[in-house]
C-alpha atoms as a PDB file:
ATOM      1  CA  UNK A   1      -0.085   0.311   0.062  1.00  0.00           C
ATOM      2  CA  UNK A   2       1.127   3.574  -0.705  1.00  0.00           C
ATOM      3  CA  UNK A   3       2.340   5.584   2.365  1.00  0.00           C
ATOM      4  CA  UNK A   4      -0.036   8.557   1.619  1.00  0.00           C
ATOM      5  CA  UNK A   5      -2.757   5.892   2.021  1.00  0.00           C
ATOM      6  CA  UNK A   6      -1.762   4.859   5.230  1.00  0.00           C
ATOM      7  CA  UNK A   7      -0.729   8.237   6.341  1.00  0.00           C
ATOM      8  CA  UNK A   8      -4.873   9.359   5.624  1.00  0.00           C
ATOM      9  CA  UNK A   9      -6.198   6.538   6.958  1.00  0.00           C
ATOM     10  CA  UNK A  10      -4.132   6.621  10.203  1.00  0.00           C
ATOM     11  CA  UNK A  11      -5.176  10.256  10.532  1.00  0.00           C
ATOM     12  CA  UNK A  12      -8.924   9.345  10.106  1.00  0.00           C
ATOM     13  CA  UNK A  13      -8.158   6.666  12.551  1.00  0.00           C
ATOM     14  CA  UNK A  14      -6.691   9.195  15.340  1.00  0.00           C
ATOM     15  CA  UNK A  15     -10.165  11.257  14.854  1.00  0.00           C
ATOM     16  CA  UNK A  16     -12.571   8.786  15.891  1.00  0.00           C
ATOM     17  CA  UNK A  17     -13.589   9.738  19.288  1.00  0.00           C
ATOM     18  CA  UNK A  18     -13.823   7.529  22.335  1.00  0.00           C
ATOM     19  CA  UNK A  19     -17.365   5.946  22.449  1.00  0.00           C
ATOM     20  CA  UNK A  20     -17.871   6.012  19.035  1.00  0.00           C
ATOM     21  CA  UNK A  21     -16.653   3.849  15.912  1.00  0.00           C
ATOM     22  CA  UNK A  22     -16.703   3.928  11.932  1.00  0.00           C
ATOM     23  CA  UNK A  23     -16.677   1.424   9.290  1.00  0.00           C
ATOM     24  CA  UNK A  24     -13.560   0.128   7.300  1.00  0.00           C
ATOM     25  CA  UNK A  25     -15.508   2.059   4.098  1.00  0.00           C
ATOM     26  CA  UNK A  26     -16.291   5.145   6.111  1.00  0.00           C
ATOM     27  CA  UNK A  27     -12.745   5.324   7.441  1.00  0.00           C
ATOM     28  CA  UNK A  28     -11.520   4.954   3.664  1.00  0.00           C
ATOM     29  CA  UNK A  29     -13.752   7.556   2.270  1.00  0.00           C
ATOM     30  CA  UNK A  30     -12.579   9.976   4.835  1.00  0.00           C
ATOM     31  CA  UNK A  31      -9.034   9.245   3.972  1.00  0.00           C
ATOM     32  CA  UNK A  32     -10.108   9.935   0.493  1.00  0.00           C
ATOM     33  CA  UNK A  33      -9.965   6.577  -0.959  1.00  0.00           C
ATOM     34  CA  UNK A  34     -13.311   5.632  -1.390  1.00  0.00           C
ATOM     35  CA  UNK A  35     -14.170   2.109  -1.918  1.00  0.00           C
ATOM     36  CA  UNK A  36     -10.650   0.618  -0.251  1.00  0.00           C
ATOM     37  CA  UNK A  37     -12.449  -0.908   2.770  1.00  0.00           C
ATOM     38  CA  UNK A  38     -10.313  -3.783   2.360  1.00  0.00           C
ATOM     39  CA  UNK A  39      -7.332  -2.150   2.011  1.00  0.00           C
ATOM     40  CA  UNK A  40      -8.097  -0.410   5.418  1.00  0.00           C
ATOM     41  CA  UNK A  41      -8.994  -3.722   6.986  1.00  0.00           C
ATOM     42  CA  UNK A  42      -5.435  -5.135   5.780  1.00  0.00           C
ATOM     43  CA  UNK A  43      -3.893  -1.948   7.108  1.00  0.00           C
ATOM     44  CA  UNK A  44      -5.307  -2.214  10.399  1.00  0.00           C
ATOM     45  CA  UNK A  45      -4.590  -5.847  10.783  1.00  0.00           C
ATOM     46  CA  UNK A  46      -0.937  -5.439  10.812  1.00  0.00           C
ATOM     47  CA  UNK A  47      -0.733  -2.294  12.743  1.00  0.00           C
ATOM     48  CA  UNK A  48       2.240  -2.668  15.413  1.00  0.00           C
ATOM     49  CA  UNK A  49       0.595  -2.978  18.912  1.00  0.00           C
ATOM     50  CA  UNK A  50       3.006   0.036  20.296  1.00  0.00           C
ATOM     51  CA  UNK A  51       1.396   2.680  17.882  1.00  0.00           C
ATOM     52  CA  UNK A  52      -1.587   2.560  20.374  1.00  0.00           C
ATOM     53  CA  UNK A  53      -4.116   3.336  17.702  1.00  0.00           C
ATOM     54  CA  UNK A  54      -7.871   3.288  18.400  1.00  0.00           C
ATOM     55  CA  UNK A  55      -8.321   0.009  15.600  1.00  0.00           C
ATOM     56  CA  UNK A  56     -10.701  -1.245  17.728  1.00  0.00           C
ATOM     57  CA  UNK A  57     -12.947   1.624  17.090  1.00  0.00           C
ATOM     58  CA  UNK A  58     -13.273   0.242  13.383  1.00  0.00           C
ATOM     59  CA  UNK A  59     -15.945  -2.221  12.621  1.00  0.00           C
ATOM     60  CA  UNK A  60     -17.933  -3.619   9.145  1.00  0.00           C
ATOM     61  CA  UNK A  61     -20.617  -2.095   7.449  1.00  0.00           C
ATOM     62  CA  UNK A  62     -23.246  -3.819   9.549  1.00  0.00           C
ATOM     63  CA  UNK A  63     -21.883  -2.774  12.451  1.00  0.00           C
ATOM     64  CA  UNK A  64     -20.237  -6.317  13.028  1.00  0.00           C
ATOM     65  CA  UNK A  65     -17.009  -7.382  15.002  1.00  0.00           C
ATOM     66  CA  UNK A  66     -14.688  -8.766  12.239  1.00  0.00           C
ATOM     67  CA  UNK A  67     -13.782 -12.596  12.525  1.00  0.00           C
ATOM     68  CA  UNK A  68     -16.635 -13.494  15.158  1.00  0.00           C
ATOM     69  CA  UNK A  69     -15.641 -15.716  17.965  1.00  0.00           C
ATOM     70  CA  UNK A  70     -11.767 -15.254  16.942  1.00  0.00           C
ATOM     71  CA  UNK A  71      -9.524 -14.245  20.349  1.00  0.00           C
ATOM     72  CA  UNK A  72      -9.078 -10.788  18.310  1.00  0.00           C
ATOM     73  CA  UNK A  73     -12.843 -10.438  18.066  1.00  0.00           C
ATOM     74  CA  UNK A  74     -13.261 -11.120  21.578  1.00  0.00           C
ATOM     75  CA  UNK A  75     -10.424  -8.634  22.526  1.00  0.00           C
ATOM     76  CA  UNK A  76     -12.369  -6.171  20.260  1.00  0.00           C
ATOM     77  CA  UNK A  77     -15.817  -6.510  21.723  1.00  0.00           C
ATOM     78  CA  UNK A  78     -13.748  -5.970  25.633  1.00  0.00           C
ATOM     79  CA  UNK A  79     -12.249  -2.851  23.849  1.00  0.00           C
ATOM     80  CA  UNK A  80     -15.289  -1.523  22.757  1.00  0.00           C
ATOM     81  CA  UNK A  81     -17.390  -2.177  26.272  1.00  0.00           C
ATOM     82  CA  UNK A  82     -14.644  -0.671  27.772  1.00  0.00           C
ATOM     83  CA  UNK A  83     -15.016   2.489  25.510  1.00  0.00           C
ATOM     84  CA  UNK A  84     -18.731   2.669  26.734  1.00  0.00           C
ATOM     85  CA  UNK A  85     -19.966   0.819  23.150  1.00  0.00           C
ATOM     86  CA  UNK A  86     -22.713  -1.586  23.709  1.00  0.00           C
ATOM     87  CA  UNK A  87     -23.357  -4.494  21.351  1.00  0.00           C
ATOM     88  CA  UNK A  88     -26.235  -6.549  20.835  1.00  0.00           C
ATOM     89  CA  UNK A  89     -26.661 -10.253  21.003  1.00  0.00           C
ATOM     90  CA  UNK A  90     -25.144 -10.806  17.877  1.00  0.00           C
ATOM     91  CA  UNK A  91     -22.212  -8.901  18.355  1.00  0.00           C
ATOM     92  CA  UNK A  92     -23.252  -5.795  16.379  1.00  0.00           C
ATOM     93  CA  UNK A  93     -22.721  -2.123  17.103  1.00  0.00           C
ATOM     94  CA  UNK A  94     -25.569   0.350  16.349  1.00  0.00           C
ATOM     95  CA  UNK A  95     -24.063   2.333  14.041  1.00  0.00           C
ATOM     96  CA  UNK A  96     -27.077   5.026  14.211  1.00  0.00           C
ATOM     97  CA  UNK A  97     -26.230   5.615  18.046  1.00  0.00           C
ATOM     98  CA  UNK A  98     -22.056   5.218  18.077  1.00  0.00           C
ATOM     99  CA  UNK A  99     -21.509   5.630  14.042  1.00  0.00           C
ATOM    100  CA  UNK A 100     -18.646   8.322  13.410  1.00  0.00           C
ATOM    101  CA  UNK A 101     -19.093  10.878  11.866  1.00  0.00           C
ATOM    102  CA  UNK A 102     -22.637  10.918  12.698  1.00  0.00           C
ATOM    103  CA  UNK A 103     -23.514  12.094   9.251  1.00  0.00           C
ATOM    104  CA  UNK A 104     -22.407   9.164   7.767  1.00  0.00           C
ATOM    105  CA  UNK A 105     -24.920   7.489   9.843  1.00  0.00           C
ATOM    106  CA  UNK A 106     -28.191   9.276   9.371  1.00  0.00           C
ATOM    107  CA  UNK A 107     -31.459   7.123   9.253  1.00  0.00           C
END
């Protein structure tokens, strides 16, 4: 991935406030790369832990945590809950309530 893409995505990622989430696609669009949701997912999946970025605030387009049932998904769920974000019984975040920026998730 191009360094410009990576820098733009990480800037957008840093802007997600506590208690809010964004989707891979929304983050790609905010970074100036619409339709690059999978690239955002790949980038976040290989972030070094020492960067301490809020990767856990990014979910799938339906509000779902990626790879449900995995150890990583359980950890993301824990971090989201610690951030004050509620998940439903199917492991989904209500994007109308927690989606950032809110204009992307209006009903």
